[in-house]
Amino acid sequence: MSINNNGNFQHSVPSTTLGDLLERILDKGVVISGDIKIKLVEVELLTIQIRLVICSVDRAKEIGIDWWRSDSHFSNLEGTGPAARIRELEERLARLEGTAKIETPALAEVNHG
């Protein structure tokens, strides 16, 4: 405690902003872990295990977590990313539309003939 110019007591407590707190959490990392178990008459019906790690990408790499490098939804390595998947689906759709146009007249003749 200290006394300010008005003669009043003033608390000197260091304040932390939300930005400082977030930076510290991302730099150091936070692990949240828990289990939820549902039992009925001593028979376990359901178990949910929750494991949550909050940290920066750099910190995750340091501790050996880098699943996004091999996950095709997040990585564009070797043409396996979302853009490659979209191209693949567009090509497949074009082939299906081409097939449908060729077969449609033949089906119409069978149904009306």
PDB file of N, CA and C in Angstrom:
ATOM      1  N   MET A   1       0.836  -1.179   0.000  1.00  0.00           N
ATOM      2  CA  MET A   1       0.000   0.000   0.000  1.00  0.00           C
ATOM      3  C   MET A   1       0.875   1.235   0.000  1.00  0.00           C
ATOM      4  N   SER A   2       0.351   2.264  -0.591  1.00  0.00           N
ATOM      5  CA  SER A   2       1.045   3.538  -0.585  1.00  0.00           C
ATOM      6  C   SER A   2       0.022   4.658  -0.423  1.00  0.00           C
ATOM      7  N   ILE A   3       0.511   5.840  -0.130  1.00  0.00           N
ATOM      8  CA  ILE A   3      -0.364   6.993   0.052  1.00  0.00           C
ATOM      9  C   ILE A   3      -0.181   7.908  -1.156  1.00  0.00           C
ATOM     10  N   ASN A   4      -1.310   8.271  -1.813  1.00  0.00           N
ATOM     11  CA  ASN A   4      -1.218   9.146  -2.977  1.00  0.00           C
ATOM     12  C   ASN A   4      -1.195  10.610  -2.548  1.00  0.00           C
ATOM     13  N   ASN A   5      -1.222  11.532  -3.503  1.00  0.00           N
ATOM     14  CA  ASN A   5      -1.119  12.965  -3.216  1.00  0.00           C
ATOM     15  C   ASN A   5      -2.274  13.493  -2.385  1.00  0.00           C
ATOM     16  N   ASN A   6      -3.431  12.874  -2.426  1.00  0.00           N
ATOM     17  CA  ASN A   6      -4.602  13.317  -1.665  1.00  0.00           C
ATOM     18  C   ASN A   6      -4.592  12.799  -0.242  1.00  0.00           C
ATOM     19  N   GLY A   7      -3.616  12.012   0.118  1.00  0.00           N
ATOM     20  CA  GLY A   7      -3.546  11.442   1.460  1.00  0.00           C
ATOM     21  C   GLY A   7      -4.344  10.167   1.614  1.00  0.00           C
ATOM     22  N   ASN A   8      -4.854   9.604   0.527  1.00  0.00           N
ATOM     23  CA  ASN A   8      -5.638   8.368   0.567  1.00  0.00           C
ATOM     24  C   ASN A   8      -4.714   7.175   0.322  1.00  0.00           C
ATOM     25  N   PHE A   9      -5.110   6.046   0.871  1.00  0.00           N
ATOM     26  CA  PHE A   9      -4.354   4.824   0.629  1.00  0.00           C
ATOM     27  C   PHE A   9      -4.657   4.308  -0.777  1.00  0.00           C
ATOM     28  N   GLN A  10      -3.640   3.787  -1.404  1.00  0.00           N
ATOM     29  CA  GLN A  10      -3.788   3.272  -2.761  1.00  0.00           C
ATOM     30  C   GLN A  10      -3.154   1.895  -2.813  1.00  0.00           C
ATOM     31  N   HIS A  11      -3.880   0.931  -3.337  1.00  0.00           N
ATOM     32  CA  HIS A  11      -3.365  -0.427  -3.478  1.00  0.00           C
ATOM     33  C   HIS A  11      -2.513  -0.514  -4.736  1.00  0.00           C
ATOM     34  N   SER A  12      -1.375  -1.131  -4.616  1.00  0.00           N
ATOM     35  CA  SER A  12      -0.505  -1.334  -5.770  1.00  0.00           C
ATOM     36  C   SER A  12      -0.546  -2.796  -6.168  1.00  0.00           C
ATOM     37  N   VAL A  13      -1.516  -3.150  -6.961  1.00  0.00           N
ATOM     38  CA  VAL A  13      -1.673  -4.519  -7.424  1.00  0.00           C
ATOM     39  C   VAL A  13      -1.395  -4.528  -8.919  1.00  0.00           C
ATOM     40  N   PRO A  14      -0.424  -5.323  -9.351  1.00  0.00           N
ATOM     41  CA  PRO A  14      -0.156  -5.354 -10.791  1.00  0.00           C
ATOM     42  C   PRO A  14      -1.356  -5.943 -11.533  1.00  0.00           C
ATOM     43  N   SER A  15      -1.779  -5.249 -12.575  1.00  0.00           N
ATOM     44  CA  SER A  15      -2.928  -5.741 -13.327  1.00  0.00           C
ATOM     45  C   SER A  15      -2.444  -6.463 -14.575  1.00  0.00           C
ATOM     46  N   THR A  16      -3.212  -7.442 -14.970  1.00  0.00           N
ATOM     47  CA  THR A  16      -2.911  -8.213 -16.168  1.00  0.00           C
ATOM     48  C   THR A  16      -4.053  -8.023 -17.147  1.00  0.00           C
ATOM     49  N   THR A  17      -3.728  -7.642 -18.351  1.00  0.00           N
ATOM     50  CA  THR A  17      -4.765  -7.483 -19.363  1.00  0.00           C
ATOM     51  C   THR A  17      -5.097  -8.840 -19.969  1.00  0.00           C
ATOM     52  N   LEU A  18      -6.205  -8.899 -20.658  1.00  0.00           N
ATOM     53  CA  LEU A  18      -6.617 -10.137 -21.310  1.00  0.00           C
ATOM     54  C   LEU A  18      -5.586 -10.568 -22.349  1.00  0.00           C
ATOM     55  N   GLY A  19      -5.012  -9.592 -23.044  1.00  0.00           N
ATOM     56  CA  GLY A  19      -3.981  -9.892 -24.036  1.00  0.00           C
ATOM     57  C   GLY A  19      -2.748 -10.523 -23.406  1.00  0.00           C
ATOM     58  N   ASP A  20      -2.326  -9.987 -22.242  1.00  0.00           N
ATOM     59  CA  ASP A  20      -1.177 -10.558 -21.527  1.00  0.00           C
ATOM     60  C   ASP A  20      -1.461 -11.987 -21.087  1.00  0.00           C
ATOM     61  N   LEU A  21      -2.678 -12.198 -20.576  1.00  0.00           N
ATOM     62  CA  LEU A  21      -3.060 -13.534 -20.123  1.00  0.00           C
ATOM     63  C   LEU A  21      -3.085 -14.522 -21.277  1.00  0.00           C
ATOM     64  N   LEU A  22      -3.662 -14.112 -22.394  1.00  0.00           N
ATOM     65  CA  LEU A  22      -3.722 -14.986 -23.570  1.00  0.00           C
ATOM     66  C   LEU A  22      -2.326 -15.296 -24.096  1.00  0.00           C
ATOM     67  N   GLU A  23      -1.460 -14.303 -24.132  1.00  0.00           N
ATOM     68  CA  GLU A  23      -0.084 -14.524 -24.581  1.00  0.00           C
ATOM     69  C   GLU A  23       0.632 -15.525 -23.674  1.00  0.00           C
ATOM     70  N   ARG A  24       0.438 -15.402 -22.381  1.00  0.00           N
ATOM     71  CA  ARG A  24       1.071 -16.317 -21.429  1.00  0.00           C
ATOM     72  C   ARG A  24       0.545 -17.743 -21.596  1.00  0.00           C
ATOM     73  N   ILE A  25      -0.768 -17.876 -21.789  1.00  0.00           N
ATOM     74  CA  ILE A  25      -1.358 -19.209 -21.967  1.00  0.00           C
ATOM     75  C   ILE A  25      -0.839 -19.855 -23.242  1.00  0.00           C
ATOM     76  N   LEU A  26      -0.810 -19.097 -24.343  1.00  0.00           N
ATOM     77  CA  LEU A  26      -0.347 -19.661 -25.608  1.00  0.00           C
ATOM     78  C   LEU A  26       1.139 -19.990 -25.562  1.00  0.00           C
ATOM     79  N   ASP A  27       1.918 -19.193 -24.845  1.00  0.00           N
ATOM     80  CA  ASP A  27       3.354 -19.431 -24.755  1.00  0.00           C
ATOM     81  C   ASP A  27       3.669 -20.652 -23.900  1.00  0.00           C
ATOM     82  N   LYS A  28       3.059 -20.754 -22.749  1.00  0.00           N
ATOM     83  CA  LYS A  28       3.347 -21.854 -21.823  1.00  0.00           C
ATOM     84  C   LYS A  28       2.483 -23.080 -22.104  1.00  0.00           C
ATOM     85  N   GLY A  29       1.225 -22.854 -22.446  1.00  0.00           N
ATOM     86  CA  GLY A  29       0.304 -23.955 -22.698  1.00  0.00           C
ATOM     87  C   GLY A  29      -0.512 -24.290 -21.466  1.00  0.00           C
ATOM     88  N   VAL A  30      -1.697 -24.824 -21.699  1.00  0.00           N
ATOM     89  CA  VAL A  30      -2.601 -25.238 -20.636  1.00  0.00           C
ATOM     90  C   VAL A  30      -3.163 -26.592 -21.020  1.00  0.00           C
ATOM     91  N   VAL A  31      -3.223 -27.500 -20.065  1.00  0.00           N
ATOM     92  CA  VAL A  31      -3.812 -28.819 -20.297  1.00  0.00           C
ATOM     93  C   VAL A  31      -5.028 -28.955 -19.405  1.00  0.00           C
ATOM     94  N   ILE A  32      -6.145 -29.307 -20.004  1.00  0.00           N
ATOM     95  CA  ILE A  32      -7.375 -29.555 -19.255  1.00  0.00           C
ATOM     96  C   ILE A  32      -7.745 -31.002 -19.496  1.00  0.00           C
ATOM     97  N   SER A  33      -7.960 -31.725 -18.424  1.00  0.00           N
ATOM     98  CA  SER A  33      -8.228 -33.155 -18.536  1.00  0.00           C
ATOM     99  C   SER A  33      -9.374 -33.519 -17.602  1.00  0.00           C
ATOM    100  N   GLY A  34     -10.236 -34.406 -18.058  1.00  0.00           N
ATOM    101  CA  GLY A  34     -11.337 -34.835 -17.205  1.00  0.00           C
ATOM    102  C   GLY A  34     -12.023 -36.067 -17.753  1.00  0.00           C
ATOM    103  N   ASP A  35     -12.708 -36.763 -16.890  1.00  0.00           N
ATOM    104  CA  ASP A  35     -13.467 -37.950 -17.262  1.00  0.00           C
ATOM    105  C   ASP A  35     -14.904 -37.783 -16.784  1.00  0.00           C
ATOM    106  N   ILE A  36     -15.832 -38.190 -17.618  1.00  0.00           N
ATOM    107  CA  ILE A  36     -17.242 -38.205 -17.257  1.00  0.00           C
ATOM    108  C   ILE A  36     -17.704 -39.654 -17.357  1.00  0.00           C
ATOM    109  N   LYS A  37     -18.220 -40.178 -16.267  1.00  0.00           N
ATOM    110  CA  LYS A  37     -18.695 -41.564 -16.265  1.00  0.00           C
ATOM    111  C   LYS A  37     -20.154 -41.586 -15.838  1.00  0.00           C
ATOM    112  N   ILE A  38     -20.946 -42.348 -16.576  1.00  0.00           N
ATOM    113  CA  ILE A  38     -22.354 -42.513 -16.244  1.00  0.00           C
ATOM    114  C   ILE A  38     -22.556 -43.972 -15.861  1.00  0.00           C
ATOM    115  N   LYS A  39     -23.039 -44.172 -14.636  1.00  0.00           N
ATOM    116  CA  LYS A  39     -23.255 -45.533 -14.124  1.00  0.00           C
ATOM    117  C   LYS A  39     -24.712 -45.687 -13.703  1.00  0.00           C
ATOM    118  N   LEU A  40     -25.196 -46.894 -13.837  1.00  0.00           N
ATOM    119  CA  LEU A  40     -26.534 -47.241 -13.359  1.00  0.00           C
ATOM    120  C   LEU A  40     -26.413 -48.546 -12.605  1.00  0.00           C
ATOM    121  N   VAL A  41     -26.694 -48.531 -11.337  1.00  0.00           N
ATOM    122  CA  VAL A  41     -26.588 -49.696 -10.462  1.00  0.00           C
ATOM    123  C   VAL A  41     -25.205 -50.338 -10.623  1.00  0.00           C
ATOM    124  N   GLU A  42     -24.171 -49.549 -10.451  1.00  0.00           N
ATOM    125  CA  GLU A  42     -22.774 -49.985 -10.512  1.00  0.00           C
ATOM    126  C   GLU A  42     -22.370 -50.583 -11.866  1.00  0.00           C
ATOM    127  N   VAL A  43     -23.161 -50.325 -12.913  1.00  0.00           N
ATOM    128  CA  VAL A  43     -22.805 -50.759 -14.264  1.00  0.00           C
ATOM    129  C   VAL A  43     -22.461 -49.502 -15.060  1.00  0.00           C
ATOM    130  N   GLU A  44     -21.241 -49.454 -15.539  1.00  0.00           N
ATOM    131  CA  GLU A  44     -20.803 -48.281 -16.286  1.00  0.00           C
ATOM    132  C   GLU A  44     -21.425 -48.305 -17.675  1.00  0.00           C
ATOM    133  N   LEU A  45     -22.228 -47.289 -17.985  1.00  0.00           N
ATOM    134  CA  LEU A  45     -22.912 -47.221 -19.271  1.00  0.00           C
ATOM    135  C   LEU A  45     -22.147 -46.391 -20.297  1.00  0.00           C
ATOM    136  N   LEU A  46     -21.473 -45.350 -19.827  1.00  0.00           N
ATOM    137  CA  LEU A  46     -20.812 -44.438 -20.746  1.00  0.00           C
ATOM    138  C   LEU A  46     -19.626 -43.788 -20.052  1.00  0.00           C
ATOM    139  N   THR A  47     -18.506 -43.697 -20.763  1.00  0.00           N
ATOM    140  CA  THR A  47     -17.333 -42.986 -20.273  1.00  0.00           C
ATOM    141  C   THR A  47     -16.866 -42.031 -21.362  1.00  0.00           C
ATOM    142  N   ILE A  48     -16.705 -40.783 -20.997  1.00  0.00           N
ATOM    143  CA  ILE A  48     -16.193 -39.775 -21.911  1.00  0.00           C
ATOM    144  C   ILE A  48     -14.907 -39.227 -21.317  1.00  0.00           C
ATOM    145  N   GLN A  49     -13.825 -39.340 -22.068  1.00  0.00           N
ATOM    146  CA  GLN A  49     -12.544 -38.806 -21.626  1.00  0.00           C
ATOM    147  C   GLN A  49     -12.261 -37.532 -22.401  1.00  0.00           C
ATOM    148  N   ILE A  50     -12.017 -36.467 -21.687  1.00  0.00           N
ATOM    149  CA  ILE A  50     -11.762 -35.171 -22.307  1.00  0.00           C
ATOM    150  C   ILE A  50     -10.313 -34.788 -22.061  1.00  0.00           C
ATOM    151  N   ARG A  51      -9.586 -34.512 -23.136  1.00  0.00           N
ATOM    152  CA  ARG A  51      -8.203 -34.063 -23.056  1.00  0.00           C
ATOM    153  C   ARG A  51      -8.092 -32.840 -23.956  1.00  0.00           C
ATOM    154  N   LEU A  52      -7.775 -31.696 -23.406  1.00  0.00           N
ATOM    155  CA  LEU A  52      -7.703 -30.459 -24.160  1.00  0.00           C
ATOM    156  C   LEU A  52      -6.368 -29.788 -23.890  1.00  0.00           C
ATOM    157  N   VAL A  53      -5.657 -29.446 -24.960  1.00  0.00           N
ATOM    158  CA  VAL A  53      -4.387 -28.734 -24.852  1.00  0.00           C
ATOM    159  C   VAL A  53      -4.559 -27.411 -25.583  1.00  0.00           C
ATOM    160  N   ILE A  54      -4.290 -26.321 -24.887  1.00  0.00           N
ATOM    161  CA  ILE A  54      -4.362 -24.993 -25.484  1.00  0.00           C
ATOM    162  C   ILE A  54      -2.958 -24.407 -25.465  1.00  0.00           C
ATOM    163  N   CYS A  55      -2.427 -24.137 -26.662  1.00  0.00           N
ATOM    164  CA  CYS A  55      -1.097 -23.542 -26.760  1.00  0.00           C
ATOM    165  C   CYS A  55      -0.907 -23.010 -28.174  1.00  0.00           C
ATOM    166  N   SER A  56       0.190 -22.315 -28.390  1.00  0.00           N
ATOM    167  CA  SER A  56       0.486 -21.799 -29.724  1.00  0.00           C
ATOM    168  C   SER A  56       0.970 -22.943 -30.620  1.00  0.00           C
ATOM    169  N   VAL A  57       0.977 -22.717 -31.909  1.00  0.00           N
ATOM    170  CA  VAL A  57       1.446 -23.724 -32.858  1.00  0.00           C
ATOM    171  C   VAL A  57       2.917 -24.040 -32.602  1.00  0.00           C
ATOM    172  N   ASP A  58       3.706 -23.009 -32.354  1.00  0.00           N
ATOM    173  CA  ASP A  58       5.134 -23.227 -32.085  1.00  0.00           C
ATOM    174  C   ASP A  58       5.336 -24.081 -30.841  1.00  0.00           C
ATOM    175  N   ARG A  59       4.575 -23.797 -29.800  1.00  0.00           N
ATOM    176  CA  ARG A  59       4.689 -24.576 -28.558  1.00  0.00           C
ATOM    177  C   ARG A  59       4.228 -26.014 -28.795  1.00  0.00           C
ATOM    178  N   ALA A  60       3.176 -26.193 -29.584  1.00  0.00           N
ATOM    179  CA  ALA A  60       2.686 -27.540 -29.883  1.00  0.00           C
ATOM    180  C   ALA A  60       3.753 -28.348 -30.606  1.00  0.00           C
ATOM    181  N   LYS A  61       4.447 -27.722 -31.565  1.00  0.00           N
ATOM    182  CA  LYS A  61       5.529 -28.416 -32.267  1.00  0.00           C
ATOM    183  C   LYS A  61       6.639 -28.812 -31.305  1.00  0.00           C
ATOM    184  N   GLU A  62       6.952 -27.931 -30.343  1.00  0.00           N
ATOM    185  CA  GLU A  62       8.002 -28.227 -29.361  1.00  0.00           C
ATOM    186  C   GLU A  62       7.671 -29.462 -28.530  1.00  0.00           C
ATOM    187  N   ILE A  63       6.397 -29.638 -28.203  1.00  0.00           N
ATOM    188  CA  ILE A  63       6.021 -30.781 -27.366  1.00  0.00           C
ATOM    189  C   ILE A  63       5.598 -31.998 -28.186  1.00  0.00           C
ATOM    190  N   GLY A  64       5.750 -31.892 -29.513  1.00  0.00           N
ATOM    191  CA  GLY A  64       5.534 -33.055 -30.368  1.00  0.00           C
ATOM    192  C   GLY A  64       4.123 -33.232 -30.888  1.00  0.00           C
ATOM    193  N   ILE A  65       3.329 -32.181 -30.848  1.00  0.00           N
ATOM    194  CA  ILE A  65       1.969 -32.261 -31.377  1.00  0.00           C
ATOM    195  C   ILE A  65       1.958 -31.530 -32.721  1.00  0.00           C
ATOM    196  N   ASP A  66       1.783 -32.271 -33.807  1.00  0.00           N
ATOM    197  CA  ASP A  66       1.714 -31.638 -35.133  1.00  0.00           C
ATOM    198  C   ASP A  66       0.836 -32.458 -36.074  1.00  0.00           C
ATOM    199  N   TRP A  67      -0.316 -32.888 -35.585  1.00  0.00           N
ATOM    200  CA  TRP A  67      -1.217 -33.729 -36.362  1.00  0.00           C
ATOM    201  C   TRP A  67      -1.715 -33.024 -37.614  1.00  0.00           C
ATOM    202  N   TRP A  68      -1.765 -31.703 -37.631  1.00  0.00           N
ATOM    203  CA  TRP A  68      -2.290 -30.969 -38.781  1.00  0.00           C
ATOM    204  C   TRP A  68      -1.396 -31.090 -40.006  1.00  0.00           C
ATOM    205  N   ARG A  69      -0.132 -31.496 -39.828  1.00  0.00           N
ATOM    206  CA  ARG A  69       0.760 -31.666 -40.977  1.00  0.00           C
ATOM    207  C   ARG A  69       0.366 -32.879 -41.813  1.00  0.00           C
ATOM    208  N   SER A  70      -0.173 -33.902 -41.198  1.00  0.00           N
ATOM    209  CA  SER A  70      -0.528 -35.114 -41.924  1.00  0.00           C
ATOM    210  C   SER A  70      -2.026 -35.232 -42.183  1.00  0.00           C
ATOM    211  N   ASP A  71      -2.839 -34.339 -41.620  1.00  0.00           N
ATOM    212  CA  ASP A  71      -4.282 -34.365 -41.821  1.00  0.00           C
ATOM    213  C   ASP A  71      -4.613 -33.689 -43.144  1.00  0.00           C
ATOM    214  N   SER A  72      -5.274 -34.393 -44.046  1.00  0.00           N
ATOM    215  CA  SER A  72      -5.547 -33.861 -45.383  1.00  0.00           C
ATOM    216  C   SER A  72      -6.479 -32.658 -45.358  1.00  0.00           C
ATOM    217  N   HIS A  73      -7.240 -32.465 -44.297  1.00  0.00           N
ATOM    218  CA  HIS A  73      -8.129 -31.317 -44.218  1.00  0.00           C
ATOM    219  C   HIS A  73      -7.369 -30.031 -43.913  1.00  0.00           C
ATOM    220  N   PHE A  74      -6.173 -30.147 -43.334  1.00  0.00           N
ATOM    221  CA  PHE A  74      -5.406 -28.973 -42.952  1.00  0.00           C
ATOM    222  C   PHE A  74      -4.131 -28.804 -43.764  1.00  0.00           C
ATOM    223  N   SER A  75      -3.705 -29.844 -44.437  1.00  0.00           N
ATOM    224  CA  SER A  75      -2.441 -29.801 -45.157  1.00  0.00           C
ATOM    225  C   SER A  75      -2.702 -29.857 -46.648  1.00  0.00           C
ATOM    226  N   ASN A  76      -1.877 -29.164 -47.411  1.00  0.00           N
ATOM    227  CA  ASN A  76      -1.998 -29.212 -48.861  1.00  0.00           C
ATOM    228  C   ASN A  76      -0.794 -29.929 -49.460  1.00  0.00           C
ATOM    229  N   LEU A  77      -0.146 -30.776 -48.656  1.00  0.00           N
ATOM    230  CA  LEU A  77       1.014 -31.516 -49.126  1.00  0.00           C
ATOM    231  C   LEU A  77       0.588 -32.573 -50.133  1.00  0.00           C
ATOM    232  N   GLU A  78       1.331 -32.704 -51.197  1.00  0.00           N
ATOM    233  CA  GLU A  78       1.126 -33.740 -52.214  1.00  0.00           C
ATOM    234  C   GLU A  78      -0.288 -33.741 -52.778  1.00  0.00           C
ATOM    235  N   GLY A  79      -0.907 -32.566 -52.863  1.00  0.00           N
ATOM    236  CA  GLY A  79      -2.233 -32.466 -53.460  1.00  0.00           C
ATOM    237  C   GLY A  79      -3.322 -33.145 -52.676  1.00  0.00           C
ATOM    238  N   THR A  80      -3.195 -33.198 -51.354  1.00  0.00           N
ATOM    239  CA  THR A  80      -4.208 -33.867 -50.539  1.00  0.00           C
ATOM    240  C   THR A  80      -5.052 -32.890 -49.750  1.00  0.00           C
ATOM    241  N   GLY A  81      -4.856 -31.590 -49.929  1.00  0.00           N
ATOM    242  CA  GLY A  81      -5.570 -30.587 -49.154  1.00  0.00           C
ATOM    243  C   GLY A  81      -6.966 -30.342 -49.688  1.00  0.00           C
ATOM    244  N   PRO A  82      -7.654 -29.362 -49.114  1.00  0.00           N
ATOM    245  CA  PRO A  82      -9.028 -29.049 -49.520  1.00  0.00           C
ATOM    246  C   PRO A  82      -9.143 -28.656 -50.992  1.00  0.00           C
ATOM    247  N   ALA A  83      -8.183 -27.913 -51.525  1.00  0.00           N
ATOM    248  CA  ALA A  83      -8.256 -27.503 -52.937  1.00  0.00           C
ATOM    249  C   ALA A  83      -8.206 -28.720 -53.857  1.00  0.00           C
ATOM    250  N   ALA A  84      -7.342 -29.682 -53.545  1.00  0.00           N
ATOM    251  CA  ALA A  84      -7.244 -30.897 -54.353  1.00  0.00           C
ATOM    252  C   ALA A  84      -8.532 -31.709 -54.251  1.00  0.00           C
ATOM    253  N   ARG A  85      -9.110 -31.753 -53.073  1.00  0.00           N
ATOM    254  CA  ARG A  85     -10.362 -32.498 -52.871  1.00  0.00           C
ATOM    255  C   ARG A  85     -11.496 -31.856 -53.671  1.00  0.00           C
ATOM    256  N   ILE A  86     -11.549 -30.532 -53.695  1.00  0.00           N
ATOM    257  CA  ILE A  86     -12.583 -29.830 -54.463  1.00  0.00           C
ATOM    258  C   ILE A  86     -12.420 -30.113 -55.951  1.00  0.00           C
ATOM    259  N   ARG A  87     -11.168 -30.061 -56.449  1.00  0.00           N
ATOM    260  CA  ARG A  87     -10.927 -30.378 -57.866  1.00  0.00           C
ATOM    261  C   ARG A  87     -11.387 -31.800 -58.180  1.00  0.00           C
ATOM    262  N   GLU A  88     -11.061 -32.732 -57.295  1.00  0.00           N
ATOM    263  CA  GLU A  88     -11.450 -34.128 -57.494  1.00  0.00           C
ATOM    264  C   GLU A  88     -12.970 -34.267 -57.552  1.00  0.00           C
ATOM    265  N   LEU A  89     -13.675 -33.578 -56.661  1.00  0.00           N
ATOM    266  CA  LEU A  89     -15.140 -33.648 -56.656  1.00  0.00           C
ATOM    267  C   LEU A  89     -15.738 -32.986 -57.893  1.00  0.00           C
ATOM    268  N   GLU A  90     -15.150 -31.872 -58.339  1.00  0.00           N
ATOM    269  CA  GLU A  90     -15.644 -31.217 -59.559  1.00  0.00           C
ATOM    270  C   GLU A  90     -15.465 -32.115 -60.771  1.00  0.00           C
ATOM    271  N   GLU A  91     -14.321 -32.794 -60.885  1.00  0.00           N
ATOM    272  CA  GLU A  91     -14.085 -33.716 -61.995  1.00  0.00           C
ATOM    273  C   GLU A  91     -15.069 -34.876 -61.948  1.00  0.00           C
ATOM    274  N   ARG A  92     -15.323 -35.392 -60.764  1.00  0.00           N
ATOM    275  CA  ARG A  92     -16.267 -36.501 -60.607  1.00  0.00           C
ATOM    276  C   ARG A  92     -17.673 -36.067 -60.999  1.00  0.00           C
ATOM    277  N   LEU A  93     -18.058 -34.853 -60.575  1.00  0.00           N
ATOM    278  CA  LEU A  93     -19.376 -34.337 -60.927  1.00  0.00           C
ATOM    279  C   LEU A  93     -19.509 -34.161 -62.432  1.00  0.00           C
ATOM    280  N   ALA A  94     -18.465 -33.651 -63.080  1.00  0.00           N
ATOM    281  CA  ALA A  94     -18.495 -33.478 -64.537  1.00  0.00           C
ATOM    282  C   ALA A  94     -18.659 -34.828 -65.239  1.00  0.00           C
ATOM    283  N   ARG A  95     -17.950 -35.851 -64.754  1.00  0.00           N
ATOM    284  CA  ARG A  95     -18.088 -37.194 -65.342  1.00  0.00           C
ATOM    285  C   ARG A  95     -19.508 -37.717 -65.160  1.00  0.00           C
ATOM    286  N   LEU A  96     -20.074 -37.529 -63.972  1.00  0.00           N
ATOM    287  CA  LEU A  96     -21.432 -38.009 -63.708  1.00  0.00           C
ATOM    288  C   LEU A  96     -22.455 -37.263 -64.560  1.00  0.00           C
ATOM    289  N   GLU A  97     -22.273 -35.955 -64.705  1.00  0.00           N
ATOM    290  CA  GLU A  97     -23.190 -35.190 -65.553  1.00  0.00           C
ATOM    291  C   GLU A  97     -23.084 -35.629 -67.008  1.00  0.00           C
ATOM    292  N   GLY A  98     -21.867 -35.909 -67.470  1.00  0.00           N
ATOM    293  CA  GLY A  98     -21.675 -36.388 -68.840  1.00  0.00           C
ATOM    294  C   GLY A  98     -22.350 -37.739 -69.045  1.00  0.00           C
ATOM    295  N   THR A  99     -22.224 -38.625 -68.083  1.00  0.00           N
ATOM    296  CA  THR A  99     -22.854 -39.940 -68.153  1.00  0.00           C
ATOM    297  C   THR A  99     -24.371 -39.813 -68.139  1.00  0.00           C
ATOM    298  N   ALA A 100     -24.894 -38.929 -67.301  1.00  0.00           N
ATOM    299  CA  ALA A 100     -26.340 -38.754 -67.193  1.00  0.00           C
ATOM    300  C   ALA A 100     -26.929 -38.230 -68.495  1.00  0.00           C
ATOM    301  N   LYS A 101     -26.230 -37.342 -69.200  1.00  0.00           N
ATOM    302  CA  LYS A 101     -26.734 -36.790 -70.460  1.00  0.00           C
ATOM    303  C   LYS A 101     -26.784 -37.856 -71.539  1.00  0.00           C
ATOM    304  N   ILE A 102     -25.832 -38.761 -71.557  1.00  0.00           N
ATOM    305  CA  ILE A 102     -25.786 -39.814 -72.568  1.00  0.00           C
ATOM    306  C   ILE A 102     -26.879 -40.844 -72.306  1.00  0.00           C
ATOM    307  N   GLU A 103     -27.095 -41.201 -71.050  1.00  0.00           N
ATOM    308  CA  GLU A 103     -28.042 -42.265 -70.723  1.00  0.00           C
ATOM    309  C   GLU A 103     -29.475 -41.788 -70.644  1.00  0.00           C
ATOM    310  N   THR A 104     -29.712 -40.510 -70.468  1.00  0.00           N
ATOM    311  CA  THR A 104     -31.065 -39.989 -70.299  1.00  0.00           C
ATOM    312  C   THR A 104     -31.962 -40.278 -71.490  1.00  0.00           C
ATOM    313  N   PRO A 105     -31.556 -40.048 -72.760  1.00  0.00           N
ATOM    314  CA  PRO A 105     -32.431 -40.365 -73.886  1.00  0.00           C
ATOM    315  C   PRO A 105     -32.777 -41.855 -73.954  1.00  0.00           C
ATOM    316  N   ALA A 106     -31.851 -42.697 -73.677  1.00  0.00           N
ATOM    317  CA  ALA A 106     -32.114 -44.129 -73.728  1.00  0.00           C
ATOM    318  C   ALA A 106     -33.137 -44.515 -72.670  1.00  0.00           C
ATOM    319  N   LEU A 107     -33.039 -43.940 -71.481  1.00  0.00           N
ATOM    320  CA  LEU A 107     -34.027 -44.234 -70.443  1.00  0.00           C
ATOM    321  C   LEU A 107     -35.399 -43.713 -70.814  1.00  0.00           C
ATOM    322  N   ALA A 108     -35.438 -42.557 -71.468  1.00  0.00           N
ATOM    323  CA  ALA A 108     -36.716 -41.982 -71.867  1.00  0.00           C
ATOM    324  C   ALA A 108     -37.401 -42.888 -72.883  1.00  0.00           C
ATOM    325  N   GLU A 109     -36.652 -43.479 -73.822  1.00  0.00           N
ATOM    326  CA  GLU A 109     -37.228 -44.367 -74.832  1.00  0.00           C
ATOM    327  C   GLU A 109     -37.775 -45.621 -74.200  1.00  0.00           C
ATOM    328  N   VAL A 110     -37.081 -46.151 -73.199  1.00  0.00           N
ATOM    329  CA  VAL A 110     -37.536 -47.379 -72.531  1.00  0.00           C
ATOM    330  C   VAL A 110     -38.831 -47.100 -71.790  1.00  0.00           C
ATOM    331  N   ASN A 111     -38.915 -45.962 -71.103  1.00  0.00           N
ATOM    332  CA  ASN A 111     -40.097 -45.653 -70.311  1.00  0.00           C
ATOM    333  C   ASN A 111     -41.323 -45.336 -71.186  1.00  0.00           C
ATOM    334  N   HIS A 112     -41.105 -44.729 -72.367  1.00  0.00           N
ATOM    335  CA  HIS A 112     -42.241 -44.366 -73.211  1.00  0.00           C
ATOM    336  C   HIS A 112     -42.562 -45.424 -74.251  1.00  0.00           C
ATOM    337  N   GLY A 113     -41.663 -46.341 -74.501  1.00  0.00           N
ATOM    338  CA  GLY A 113     -41.830 -47.291 -75.595  1.00  0.00           C
ATOM    339  C   GLY A 113     -42.464 -48.501 -75.150  1.00  0.00           C
TER     340      GLY A 113
END
